Amino acid sequence: MNALWWLALPVLLLPIWWHRRKREQHQAEMLATSRFLPRTEPRQTRAWRWQDLLLLLLRCLLLATAIAWLADPVMPWRGDTVIVATGTDAGWTRGQAAQAGLEKAERIEMPAAQAFAWLRAHEREWRPDARLLVLGDLPMPAQPPVFGRRIELRTLARPPQQTEHRVHIASERPQAWRRVFSAAGIAIDEAPGPETSVVVWDRKDAPPTGLRAPLWLVTDRSAFPELARAPQVDGLRYADSAHGRLWQSDAWPPASAAAARALLDDWRRLHLGPQVHTAPSQVFGAAAGVRAPEPSGALRGLLMALLVALFVLERILTHASRR
């Protein structure tokens, strides 16, 4: 839709018409010898001629720049490019770029999670004959990305980093909680520490002030004032506190294997999030009928600076022409 602003280019005819509009008035004075002639009123005539050509040029450029800023143009200016995910091994990157014949190509480094979205948003900036190579362990998106040009992806295919989770249980019925986590192979800390991921607080008294953990499983709401008005979803109350994220349910500790699996599934799905997998090395071909997204505003900063400079010059020349 931004490209429709180019239809406003006929507005440039307004300053041209204004600068060619000129009125000249013939001044007449009474002479002593003409007193006996019939009286004639002065006449006005209009003569077309160019006036203040430099000011006219500035005003036309000012309007054209404003229209271009609104239209948000994108000129294909990028050539061969290698996009490298942040943290990728430098030696491996050089070897892959040389193997692809792109050792002299432009290199852009960015976070791996943003590479696919950034490529899609800036796809208009590459020339039709440019080659694109993406290097690094990019996370696999939920749906395969679709591009309007050929893009090659090469990854190291490292296995996902294993993270160990540890649980501390503060309860008068520890065996019921130990069965939940021991069956899943989760380590249990006798005392909370900096590596403790979950604290089970199955007591009526409040925890120590300095005790913190990413997630707390609470059975009694009275120990945490933050849970008094906490929202509830499927019997699970949640709130943030100085100790960490709080979860509370009246059905804990789980009384069955199904309830224990449901608790662990909620922990992995809602708190830990899905496990990130590396996208495999592949080549994304140019999909037929795929239109590049709307312009990304790459030139808007430059056009705005030019617009301000032209406006200042136009005001200066306008003021000087009136003196």
C-alpha atoms as a PDB file:
ATOM      1  CA  MET A   1       0.000   0.000   0.000  1.00  0.00           C
ATOM      2  CA  ASN A   2       2.901   2.387   0.560  1.00  0.00           C
ATOM      3  CA  ALA A   3       3.682   2.381  -3.166  1.00  0.00           C
ATOM      4  CA  LEU A   4       0.372   4.164  -3.840  1.00  0.00           C
ATOM      5  CA  TRP A   5       1.984   7.368  -2.568  1.00  0.00           C
ATOM      6  CA  TRP A   6       3.841   7.601  -5.898  1.00  0.00           C
ATOM      7  CA  LEU A   7       0.495   8.578  -7.418  1.00  0.00           C
ATOM      8  CA  ALA A   8       0.905  11.915  -5.622  1.00  0.00           C
ATOM      9  CA  LEU A   9       3.796  12.968  -7.894  1.00  0.00           C
ATOM     10  CA  PRO A  10       1.517  15.306  -9.932  1.00  0.00           C
ATOM     11  CA  VAL A  11       1.610  17.578  -6.876  1.00  0.00           C
ATOM     12  CA  LEU A  12       4.985  18.748  -8.226  1.00  0.00           C
ATOM     13  CA  LEU A  13       3.070  20.763 -10.837  1.00  0.00           C
ATOM     14  CA  LEU A  14       1.838  23.156  -8.126  1.00  0.00           C
ATOM     15  CA  PRO A  15       5.175  24.896  -7.398  1.00  0.00           C
ATOM     16  CA  ILE A  16       5.914  24.960 -11.143  1.00  0.00           C
ATOM     17  CA  TRP A  17       2.586  26.732 -11.807  1.00  0.00           C
ATOM     18  CA  TRP A  18       3.136  29.091  -8.885  1.00  0.00           C
ATOM     19  CA  HIS A  19       6.618  30.132 -10.017  1.00  0.00           C
ATOM     20  CA  ARG A  20       5.388  30.824 -13.554  1.00  0.00           C
ATOM     21  CA  ARG A  21       2.489  32.973 -12.353  1.00  0.00           C
ATOM     22  CA  LYS A  22       3.466  36.641 -12.675  1.00  0.00           C
ATOM     23  CA  ARG A  23       1.406  39.820 -12.686  1.00  0.00           C
ATOM     24  CA  GLU A  24       2.689  43.111 -14.129  1.00  0.00           C
ATOM     25  CA  GLN A  25       0.793  46.381 -13.739  1.00  0.00           C
ATOM     26  CA  HIS A  26       1.430  49.370 -16.045  1.00  0.00           C
ATOM     27  CA  GLN A  27       1.706  52.535 -14.042  1.00  0.00           C
ATOM     28  CA  ALA A  28       0.246  55.671 -15.695  1.00  0.00           C
ATOM     29  CA  GLU A  29       0.803  59.293 -14.665  1.00  0.00           C
ATOM     30  CA  MET A  30      -1.196  62.358 -15.780  1.00  0.00           C
ATOM     31  CA  LEU A  31       0.734  64.717 -18.045  1.00  0.00           C
ATOM     32  CA  ALA A  32      -0.123  68.386 -18.534  1.00  0.00           C
ATOM     33  CA  THR A  33      -0.531  67.994 -22.290  1.00  0.00           C
ATOM     34  CA  SER A  34      -2.947  65.051 -21.946  1.00  0.00           C
ATOM     35  CA  ARG A  35      -5.620  66.803 -19.901  1.00  0.00           C
ATOM     36  CA  PHE A  36      -7.827  67.212 -22.951  1.00  0.00           C
ATOM     37  CA  LEU A  37      -7.672  63.444 -23.839  1.00  0.00           C
ATOM     38  CA  PRO A  38     -10.266  60.930 -22.627  1.00  0.00           C
ATOM     39  CA  ARG A  39      -9.452  59.403 -19.212  1.00  0.00           C
ATOM     40  CA  THR A  40      -8.087  55.842 -19.375  1.00  0.00           C
ATOM     41  CA  GLU A  41      -7.712  53.516 -16.353  1.00  0.00           C
ATOM     42  CA  PRO A  42      -4.455  51.651 -15.840  1.00  0.00           C
ATOM     43  CA  ARG A  43      -4.431  48.097 -17.199  1.00  0.00           C
ATOM     44  CA  GLN A  44      -3.093  44.870 -15.694  1.00  0.00           C
ATOM     45  CA  THR A  45      -1.474  42.261 -17.850  1.00  0.00           C
ATOM     46  CA  ARG A  46      -0.224  38.758 -16.997  1.00  0.00           C
ATOM     47  CA  ALA A  47       3.065  37.611 -18.426  1.00  0.00           C
ATOM     48  CA  TRP A  48       4.381  34.046 -17.948  1.00  0.00           C
ATOM     49  CA  ARG A  49       8.062  33.779 -17.143  1.00  0.00           C
ATOM     50  CA  TRP A  50      10.326  31.745 -14.901  1.00  0.00           C
ATOM     51  CA  GLN A  51      11.072  33.201 -11.469  1.00  0.00           C
ATOM     52  CA  ASP A  52      13.483  32.063  -8.731  1.00  0.00           C
ATOM     53  CA  LEU A  53      14.635  28.893 -10.443  1.00  0.00           C
ATOM     54  CA  LEU A  54      16.742  27.728  -7.470  1.00  0.00           C
ATOM     55  CA  LEU A  55      13.809  28.120  -5.085  1.00  0.00           C
ATOM     56  CA  LEU A  56      11.577  26.268  -7.532  1.00  0.00           C
ATOM     57  CA  LEU A  57      14.056  23.399  -7.691  1.00  0.00           C
ATOM     58  CA  LEU A  58      14.249  23.175  -3.893  1.00  0.00           C
ATOM     59  CA  ARG A  59      10.470  23.089  -3.518  1.00  0.00           C
ATOM     60  CA  CYS A  60      10.110  20.364  -6.136  1.00  0.00           C
ATOM     61  CA  LEU A  61      12.822  18.309  -4.453  1.00  0.00           C
ATOM     62  CA  LEU A  62      11.156  18.865  -1.069  1.00  0.00           C
ATOM     63  CA  LEU A  63       7.810  17.535  -2.312  1.00  0.00           C
ATOM     64  CA  ALA A  64       9.418  14.614  -4.154  1.00  0.00           C
ATOM     65  CA  THR A  65      11.404  13.625  -1.039  1.00  0.00           C
ATOM     66  CA  ALA A  66       8.281  13.786   1.135  1.00  0.00           C
ATOM     67  CA  ILE A  67       6.410  11.519  -1.292  1.00  0.00           C
ATOM     68  CA  ALA A  68       9.366   9.113  -1.402  1.00  0.00           C
ATOM     69  CA  TRP A  69       9.465   9.001   2.408  1.00  0.00           C
ATOM     70  CA  LEU A  70       5.773   8.107   2.504  1.00  0.00           C
ATOM     71  CA  ALA A  71       6.171   5.508  -0.258  1.00  0.00           C
ATOM     72  CA  ASP A  72       9.144   3.930   1.614  1.00  0.00           C
ATOM     73  CA  PRO A  73      11.147   2.850  -1.469  1.00  0.00           C
ATOM     74  CA  VAL A  74      13.590  -0.036  -1.381  1.00  0.00           C
ATOM     75  CA  MET A  75      16.325  -0.141  -4.002  1.00  0.00           C
ATOM     76  CA  PRO A  76      18.028  -3.529  -4.552  1.00  0.00           C
ATOM     77  CA  TRP A  77      21.592  -2.676  -3.586  1.00  0.00           C
ATOM     78  CA  ARG A  78      22.999  -5.681  -1.745  1.00  0.00           C
ATOM     79  CA  GLY A  79      25.215  -8.162  -3.553  1.00  0.00           C
ATOM     80  CA  ASP A  80      26.541 -11.566  -2.432  1.00  0.00           C
ATOM     81  CA  THR A  81      26.052 -11.885   1.322  1.00  0.00           C
ATOM     82  CA  VAL A  82      26.989 -14.317   4.090  1.00  0.00           C
ATOM     83  CA  ILE A  83      24.788 -14.132   7.181  1.00  0.00           C
ATOM     84  CA  VAL A  84      26.466 -15.584  10.283  1.00  0.00           C
ATOM     85  CA  ALA A  85      24.664 -16.499  13.496  1.00  0.00           C
ATOM     86  CA  THR A  86      26.190 -14.940  16.592  1.00  0.00           C
ATOM     87  CA  GLY A  87      28.629 -17.269  18.337  1.00  0.00           C
ATOM     88  CA  THR A  88      29.403 -19.426  15.296  1.00  0.00           C
ATOM     89  CA  ASP A  89      32.977 -20.725  15.066  1.00  0.00           C
ATOM     90  CA  ALA A  90      35.057 -18.273  12.993  1.00  0.00           C
ATOM     91  CA  GLY A  91      37.247 -20.947  11.366  1.00  0.00           C
ATOM     92  CA  TRP A  92      34.257 -23.003  10.289  1.00  0.00           C
ATOM     93  CA  THR A  93      32.606 -19.861   8.930  1.00  0.00           C
ATOM     94  CA  ARG A  94      35.631 -18.958   6.801  1.00  0.00           C
ATOM     95  CA  GLY A  95      35.864 -22.489   5.456  1.00  0.00           C
ATOM     96  CA  GLN A  96      32.197 -22.671   4.483  1.00  0.00           C
ATOM     97  CA  ALA A  97      32.275 -19.236   2.845  1.00  0.00           C
ATOM     98  CA  ALA A  98      35.363 -20.168   0.831  1.00  0.00           C
ATOM     99  CA  GLN A  99      33.807 -23.470  -0.200  1.00  0.00           C
ATOM    100  CA  ALA A 100      30.768 -21.604  -1.514  1.00  0.00           C
ATOM    101  CA  GLY A 101      32.946 -19.056  -3.338  1.00  0.00           C
ATOM    102  CA  LEU A 102      31.763 -16.215  -1.104  1.00  0.00           C
ATOM    103  CA  GLU A 103      34.958 -15.414   0.802  1.00  0.00           C
ATOM    104  CA  LYS A 104      34.802 -11.785  -0.407  1.00  0.00           C
ATOM    105  CA  ALA A 105      31.061 -11.369   0.095  1.00  0.00           C
ATOM    106  CA  GLU A 106      29.531  -9.010   2.631  1.00  0.00           C
ATOM    107  CA  ARG A 107      29.102 -10.542   6.092  1.00  0.00           C
ATOM    108  CA  ILE A 108      26.260  -9.759   8.457  1.00  0.00           C
ATOM    109  CA  GLU A 109      26.226 -11.120  12.012  1.00  0.00           C
ATOM    110  CA  MET A 110      22.981 -11.400  13.956  1.00  0.00           C
ATOM    111  CA  PRO A 111      21.312 -13.582  16.624  1.00  0.00           C
ATOM    112  CA  ALA A 112      20.362 -16.998  15.304  1.00  0.00           C
ATOM    113  CA  ALA A 113      16.719 -16.680  16.391  1.00  0.00           C
ATOM    114  CA  GLN A 114      16.258 -13.539  14.238  1.00  0.00           C
ATOM    115  CA  ALA A 115      17.917 -14.672  11.000  1.00  0.00           C
ATOM    116  CA  PHE A 116      14.898 -16.128   9.173  1.00  0.00           C
ATOM    117  CA  ALA A 117      12.588 -13.240  10.077  1.00  0.00           C
ATOM    118  CA  TRP A 118      15.225 -10.639   9.162  1.00  0.00           C
ATOM    119  CA  LEU A 119      15.864 -12.284   5.797  1.00  0.00           C
ATOM    120  CA  ARG A 120      12.176 -12.326   4.987  1.00  0.00           C
ATOM    121  CA  ALA A 121      11.692  -8.682   5.994  1.00  0.00           C
ATOM    122  CA  HIS A 122      14.713  -7.409   3.981  1.00  0.00           C
ATOM    123  CA  GLU A 123      14.356  -9.665   0.949  1.00  0.00           C
ATOM    124  CA  ARG A 124      13.783  -6.706  -1.393  1.00  0.00           C
ATOM    125  CA  GLU A 125      17.252  -5.290  -0.677  1.00  0.00           C
ATOM    126  CA  TRP A 126      19.205  -7.918  -2.680  1.00  0.00           C
ATOM    127  CA  ARG A 127      19.833  -7.712  -6.382  1.00  0.00           C
ATOM    128  CA  PRO A 128      18.342 -10.530  -8.484  1.00  0.00           C
ATOM    129  CA  ASP A 129      21.771 -12.082  -9.177  1.00  0.00           C
ATOM    130  CA  ALA A 130      22.969 -11.942  -5.536  1.00  0.00           C
ATOM    131  CA  ARG A 131      23.759 -15.164  -3.654  1.00  0.00           C
ATOM    132  CA  LEU A 132      22.831 -15.649   0.017  1.00  0.00           C
ATOM    133  CA  LEU A 133      24.510 -18.071   2.425  1.00  0.00           C
ATOM    134  CA  VAL A 134      23.387 -18.495   6.051  1.00  0.00           C
ATOM    135  CA  LEU A 135      25.847 -20.091   8.497  1.00  0.00           C
ATOM    136  CA  GLY A 136      25.296 -21.213  12.074  1.00  0.00           C
ATOM    137  CA  ASP A 137      22.935 -23.220  14.235  1.00  0.00           C
ATOM    138  CA  LEU A 138      19.588 -21.580  13.577  1.00  0.00           C
ATOM    139  CA  PRO A 139      16.581 -22.826  15.576  1.00  0.00           C
ATOM    140  CA  MET A 140      14.093 -24.803  13.548  1.00  0.00           C
ATOM    141  CA  PRO A 141      10.935 -22.714  12.997  1.00  0.00           C
ATOM    142  CA  ALA A 142       7.455 -24.098  13.535  1.00  0.00           C
ATOM    143  CA  GLN A 143       6.800 -23.873   9.780  1.00  0.00           C
ATOM    144  CA  PRO A 144       9.364 -24.014   6.962  1.00  0.00           C
ATOM    145  CA  PRO A 145      10.226 -20.470   5.846  1.00  0.00           C
ATOM    146  CA  VAL A 146       9.305 -19.491   2.301  1.00  0.00           C
ATOM    147  CA  PHE A 147      11.410 -17.031   0.311  1.00  0.00           C
ATOM    148  CA  GLY A 148      11.135 -15.496  -3.118  1.00  0.00           C
ATOM    149  CA  ARG A 149      14.805 -16.179  -3.886  1.00  0.00           C
ATOM    150  CA  ARG A 150      17.341 -18.973  -3.393  1.00  0.00           C
ATOM    151  CA  ILE A 151      18.939 -19.101   0.089  1.00  0.00           C
ATOM    152  CA  GLU A 152      21.388 -21.758   1.284  1.00  0.00           C
ATOM    153  CA  LEU A 153      21.571 -22.712   4.975  1.00  0.00           C
ATOM    154  CA  ARG A 154      24.545 -24.563   6.469  1.00  0.00           C
ATOM    155  CA  THR A 155      24.541 -25.535  10.138  1.00  0.00           C
ATOM    156  CA  LEU A 156      26.930 -27.295  12.484  1.00  0.00           C
ATOM    157  CA  ALA A 157      24.090 -29.614  13.604  1.00  0.00           C
ATOM    158  CA  ARG A 158      25.252 -29.671  17.196  1.00  0.00           C
ATOM    159  CA  PRO A 159      23.136 -31.745  19.580  1.00  0.00           C
ATOM    160  CA  PRO A 160      20.893 -29.684  21.864  1.00  0.00           C
ATOM    161  CA  GLN A 161      22.532 -28.673  25.099  1.00  0.00           C
ATOM    162  CA  GLN A 162      21.337 -30.789  27.989  1.00  0.00           C
ATOM    163  CA  THR A 163      20.256 -28.832  31.037  1.00  0.00           C
ATOM    164  CA  GLU A 164      20.087 -30.491  34.441  1.00  0.00           C
ATOM    165  CA  HIS A 165      17.199 -29.503  36.680  1.00  0.00           C
ATOM    166  CA  ARG A 166      17.354 -29.898  40.445  1.00  0.00           C
ATOM    167  CA  VAL A 167      14.547 -29.790  43.000  1.00  0.00           C
ATOM    168  CA  HIS A 168      14.541 -28.957  46.692  1.00  0.00           C
ATOM    169  CA  ILE A 169      11.656 -30.307  48.773  1.00  0.00           C
ATOM    170  CA  ALA A 170      10.588 -28.514  51.968  1.00  0.00           C
ATOM    171  CA  SER A 171       7.628 -30.570  53.153  1.00  0.00           C
ATOM    172  CA  GLU A 172       6.286 -32.595  56.040  1.00  0.00           C
ATOM    173  CA  ARG A 173       5.421 -35.330  53.551  1.00  0.00           C
ATOM    174  CA  PRO A 174       8.594 -35.504  51.429  1.00  0.00           C
ATOM    175  CA  GLN A 175       8.058 -39.074  50.221  1.00  0.00           C
ATOM    176  CA  ALA A 176       4.955 -38.098  48.252  1.00  0.00           C
ATOM    177  CA  TRP A 177       6.964 -35.415  46.428  1.00  0.00           C
ATOM    178  CA  ARG A 178      10.053 -37.566  45.964  1.00  0.00           C
ATOM    179  CA  ARG A 179       8.007 -40.144  44.048  1.00  0.00           C
ATOM    180  CA  VAL A 180       6.959 -37.427  41.569  1.00  0.00           C
ATOM    181  CA  PHE A 181      10.468 -36.272  40.683  1.00  0.00           C
ATOM    182  CA  SER A 182      12.473 -39.472  41.190  1.00  0.00           C
ATOM    183  CA  ALA A 183      10.368 -41.320  38.630  1.00  0.00           C
ATOM    184  CA  ALA A 184      11.283 -38.645  36.057  1.00  0.00           C
ATOM    185  CA  GLY A 185      15.016 -38.849  36.870  1.00  0.00           C
ATOM    186  CA  ILE A 186      15.184 -35.332  38.345  1.00  0.00           C
ATOM    187  CA  ALA A 187      17.856 -34.787  41.012  1.00  0.00           C
ATOM    188  CA  ILE A 188      16.720 -33.741  44.480  1.00  0.00           C
ATOM    189  CA  ASP A 189      18.818 -31.336  46.575  1.00  0.00           C
ATOM    190  CA  GLU A 190      18.859 -31.786  50.320  1.00  0.00           C
ATOM    191  CA  ALA A 191      19.559 -28.065  50.692  1.00  0.00           C
ATOM    192  CA  PRO A 192      18.657 -25.306  48.212  1.00  0.00           C
ATOM    193  CA  GLY A 193      21.512 -23.853  46.199  1.00  0.00           C
ATOM    194  CA  PRO A 194      22.208 -21.638  43.169  1.00  0.00           C
ATOM    195  CA  GLU A 195      21.533 -24.574  40.784  1.00  0.00           C
ATOM    196  CA  THR A 196      18.134 -25.400  42.267  1.00  0.00           C
ATOM    197  CA  SER A 197      15.457 -25.055  39.592  1.00  0.00           C
ATOM    198  CA  VAL A 198      12.334 -25.811  41.628  1.00  0.00           C
ATOM    199  CA  VAL A 199      11.517 -25.409  45.309  1.00  0.00           C
ATOM    200  CA  VAL A 200       8.579 -27.403  46.678  1.00  0.00           C
ATOM    201  CA  TRP A 201       7.182 -25.461  49.638  1.00  0.00           C
ATOM    202  CA  ASP A 202       4.648 -27.715  51.348  1.00  0.00           C
ATOM    203  CA  ARG A 203       4.527 -25.833  54.654  1.00  0.00           C
ATOM    204  CA  LYS A 204       2.305 -23.266  56.355  1.00  0.00           C
ATOM    205  CA  ASP A 205       5.142 -20.977  57.462  1.00  0.00           C
ATOM    206  CA  ALA A 206       6.740 -18.429  55.109  1.00  0.00           C
ATOM    207  CA  PRO A 207      10.112 -19.239  53.515  1.00  0.00           C
ATOM    208  CA  PRO A 208      13.326 -17.397  54.432  1.00  0.00           C
ATOM    209  CA  THR A 209      13.683 -13.974  52.844  1.00  0.00           C
ATOM    210  CA  GLY A 210      16.871 -14.778  50.952  1.00  0.00           C
ATOM    211  CA  LEU A 211      15.671 -18.073  49.484  1.00  0.00           C
ATOM    212  CA  ARG A 212      15.066 -17.777  45.720  1.00  0.00           C
ATOM    213  CA  ALA A 213      14.439 -20.134  42.820  1.00  0.00           C
ATOM    214  CA  PRO A 214      13.004 -19.829  39.311  1.00  0.00           C
ATOM    215  CA  LEU A 215       9.840 -21.792  40.242  1.00  0.00           C
ATOM    216  CA  TRP A 216       8.032 -22.562  43.492  1.00  0.00           C
ATOM    217  CA  LEU A 217       5.378 -25.255  43.938  1.00  0.00           C
ATOM    218  CA  VAL A 218       3.239 -24.100  46.861  1.00  0.00           C
ATOM    219  CA  THR A 219       0.440 -25.941  48.644  1.00  0.00           C
ATOM    220  CA  ASP A 220      -0.630 -23.317  51.218  1.00  0.00           C
ATOM    221  CA  ARG A 221      -1.527 -19.828  49.955  1.00  0.00           C
ATOM    222  CA  SER A 222      -1.206 -18.259  53.407  1.00  0.00           C
ATOM    223  CA  ALA A 223       2.594 -18.527  53.226  1.00  0.00           C
ATOM    224  CA  PHE A 224       2.727 -16.196  50.222  1.00  0.00           C
ATOM    225  CA  PRO A 225       0.628 -12.993  50.225  1.00  0.00           C
ATOM    226  CA  GLU A 226       1.092 -12.676  46.446  1.00  0.00           C
ATOM    227  CA  LEU A 227      -1.244 -15.645  45.929  1.00  0.00           C
ATOM    228  CA  ALA A 228      -4.197 -14.014  47.698  1.00  0.00           C
ATOM    229  CA  ARG A 229      -5.564 -12.479  44.475  1.00  0.00           C
ATOM    230  CA  ALA A 230      -3.606 -14.503  41.951  1.00  0.00           C
ATOM    231  CA  PRO A 231      -5.346 -15.547  38.708  1.00  0.00           C
ATOM    232  CA  GLN A 232      -6.321 -19.183  38.358  1.00  0.00           C
ATOM    233  CA  VAL A 233      -6.323 -21.494  35.324  1.00  0.00           C
ATOM    234  CA  ASP A 234      -7.531 -25.111  35.587  1.00  0.00           C
ATOM    235  CA  GLY A 235      -7.073 -25.094  39.335  1.00  0.00           C
ATOM    236  CA  LEU A 236      -3.527 -23.675  39.145  1.00  0.00           C
ATOM    237  CA  ARG A 237      -2.841 -20.246  40.655  1.00  0.00           C
ATOM    238  CA  TYR A 238       0.246 -18.333  39.536  1.00  0.00           C
ATOM    239  CA  ALA A 239       1.974 -15.132  40.624  1.00  0.00           C
ATOM    240  CA  ASP A 240       5.398 -13.499  40.689  1.00  0.00           C
ATOM    241  CA  SER A 241       7.163 -12.700  43.934  1.00  0.00           C
ATOM    242  CA  ALA A 242      10.565 -11.746  45.280  1.00  0.00           C
ATOM    243  CA  HIS A 243      11.304 -15.460  45.730  1.00  0.00           C
ATOM    244  CA  GLY A 244      10.471 -16.353  42.099  1.00  0.00           C
ATOM    245  CA  ARG A 245       7.475 -17.529  40.072  1.00  0.00           C
ATOM    246  CA  LEU A 246       4.813 -19.132  42.308  1.00  0.00           C
ATOM    247  CA  TRP A 247       2.478 -22.000  41.387  1.00  0.00           C
ATOM    248  CA  GLN A 248      -0.182 -23.166  43.815  1.00  0.00           C
ATOM    249  CA  SER A 249      -2.767 -25.920  43.691  1.00  0.00           C
ATOM    250  CA  ASP A 250      -5.014 -27.440  46.352  1.00  0.00           C
ATOM    251  CA  ALA A 251      -4.575 -30.882  44.729  1.00  0.00           C
ATOM    252  CA  TRP A 252      -0.870 -31.166  45.562  1.00  0.00           C
ATOM    253  CA  PRO A 253       1.043 -33.343  46.192  1.00  0.00           C
ATOM    254  CA  PRO A 254      -0.138 -35.458  43.238  1.00  0.00           C
ATOM    255  CA  ALA A 255      -1.962 -38.544  44.439  1.00  0.00           C
ATOM    256  CA  SER A 256      -1.650 -40.598  41.232  1.00  0.00           C
ATOM    257  CA  ALA A 257       0.791 -41.257  38.425  1.00  0.00           C
ATOM    258  CA  ALA A 258      -1.445 -39.381  35.978  1.00  0.00           C
ATOM    259  CA  ALA A 259      -1.512 -36.301  38.230  1.00  0.00           C
ATOM    260  CA  ALA A 260       2.298 -36.456  38.593  1.00  0.00           C
ATOM    261  CA  ARG A 261       2.755 -36.635  34.797  1.00  0.00           C
ATOM    262  CA  ALA A 262       0.365 -33.714  34.355  1.00  0.00           C
ATOM    263  CA  LEU A 263       2.388 -31.630  36.824  1.00  0.00           C
ATOM    264  CA  LEU A 264       5.686 -32.427  35.094  1.00  0.00           C
ATOM    265  CA  ASP A 265       4.166 -31.737  31.660  1.00  0.00           C
ATOM    266  CA  ASP A 266       2.904 -28.340  32.825  1.00  0.00           C
ATOM    267  CA  TRP A 267       6.345 -27.545  34.214  1.00  0.00           C
ATOM    268  CA  ARG A 268       8.099 -28.383  30.935  1.00  0.00           C
ATOM    269  CA  ARG A 269       5.469 -26.778  28.692  1.00  0.00           C
ATOM    270  CA  LEU A 270       4.583 -23.617  30.621  1.00  0.00           C
ATOM    271  CA  HIS A 271       7.779 -22.820  32.519  1.00  0.00           C
ATOM    272  CA  LEU A 272      10.719 -24.361  30.640  1.00  0.00           C
ATOM    273  CA  GLY A 273       9.211 -23.956  27.182  1.00  0.00           C
ATOM    274  CA  PRO A 274       9.728 -26.181  24.155  1.00  0.00           C
ATOM    275  CA  GLN A 275      13.180 -27.584  23.475  1.00  0.00           C
ATOM    276  CA  VAL A 276      15.000 -25.798  20.667  1.00  0.00           C
ATOM    277  CA  HIS A 277      16.222 -27.975  17.774  1.00  0.00           C
ATOM    278  CA  THR A 278      18.751 -26.908  15.177  1.00  0.00           C
ATOM    279  CA  ALA A 279      17.465 -26.597  11.633  1.00  0.00           C
ATOM    280  CA  PRO A 280      19.230 -29.017   9.256  1.00  0.00           C
ATOM    281  CA  SER A 281      21.417 -27.814   6.400  1.00  0.00           C
ATOM    282  CA  GLN A 282      19.250 -27.229   3.342  1.00  0.00           C
ATOM    283  CA  VAL A 283      18.635 -25.005   0.347  1.00  0.00           C
ATOM    284  CA  PHE A 284      15.488 -22.887   0.200  1.00  0.00           C
ATOM    285  CA  GLY A 285      14.507 -22.502  -3.427  1.00  0.00           C
ATOM    286  CA  ALA A 286      12.708 -19.501  -4.829  1.00  0.00           C
ATOM    287  CA  ALA A 287       9.018 -20.221  -4.303  1.00  0.00           C
ATOM    288  CA  ALA A 288       6.808 -19.326  -7.239  1.00  0.00           C
ATOM    289  CA  GLY A 289       4.244 -16.636  -6.593  1.00  0.00           C
ATOM    290  CA  VAL A 290       5.789 -15.508  -3.310  1.00  0.00           C
ATOM    291  CA  ARG A 291       5.723 -11.749  -2.963  1.00  0.00           C
ATOM    292  CA  ALA A 292       8.301  -9.969  -0.883  1.00  0.00           C
ATOM    293  CA  PRO A 293       6.868  -8.280   2.219  1.00  0.00           C
ATOM    294  CA  GLU A 294       6.234  -4.576   2.478  1.00  0.00           C
ATOM    295  CA  PRO A 295       9.324  -2.313   2.423  1.00  0.00           C
ATOM    296  CA  SER A 296      11.398  -2.444   5.573  1.00  0.00           C
ATOM    297  CA  GLY A 297      12.166   1.271   5.961  1.00  0.00           C
ATOM    298  CA  ALA A 298      15.857   0.888   5.134  1.00  0.00           C
ATOM    299  CA  LEU A 299      15.974   4.304   3.400  1.00  0.00           C
ATOM    300  CA  ARG A 300      13.551   6.181   5.625  1.00  0.00           C
ATOM    301  CA  GLY A 301      16.255   7.540   7.922  1.00  0.00           C
ATOM    302  CA  LEU A 302      18.263   8.904   4.993  1.00  0.00           C
ATOM    303  CA  LEU A 303      15.154  10.374   3.361  1.00  0.00           C
ATOM    304  CA  MET A 304      14.096  12.059   6.601  1.00  0.00           C
ATOM    305  CA  ALA A 305      17.527  13.700   6.979  1.00  0.00           C
ATOM    306  CA  LEU A 306      17.351  14.880   3.365  1.00  0.00           C
ATOM    307  CA  LEU A 307      13.817  16.183   3.931  1.00  0.00           C
ATOM    308  CA  VAL A 308      14.902  18.264   6.924  1.00  0.00           C
ATOM    309  CA  ALA A 309      17.905  19.694   5.035  1.00  0.00           C
ATOM    310  CA  LEU A 310      15.771  20.665   2.028  1.00  0.00           C
ATOM    311  CA  PHE A 311      13.163  22.271   4.269  1.00  0.00           C
ATOM    312  CA  VAL A 312      15.795  24.417   6.012  1.00  0.00           C
ATOM    313  CA  LEU A 313      17.297  25.523   2.676  1.00  0.00           C
ATOM    314  CA  GLU A 314      13.860  26.323   1.261  1.00  0.00           C
ATOM    315  CA  ARG A 315      13.006  28.523   4.260  1.00  0.00           C
ATOM    316  CA  ILE A 316      16.340  30.365   4.003  1.00  0.00           C
ATOM    317  CA  LEU A 317      15.928  31.075   0.280  1.00  0.00           C
ATOM    318  CA  THR A 318      12.291  32.093   0.736  1.00  0.00           C
ATOM    319  CA  HIS A 319      13.269  34.588   3.423  1.00  0.00           C
ATOM    320  CA  ALA A 320      16.153  35.926   1.324  1.00  0.00           C
ATOM    321  CA  SER A 321      13.942  36.405  -1.754  1.00  0.00           C
ATOM    322  CA  ARG A 322      11.516  38.611   0.204  1.00  0.00           C
ATOM    323  CA  ARG A 323      14.208  41.066   1.287  1.00  0.00           C
END
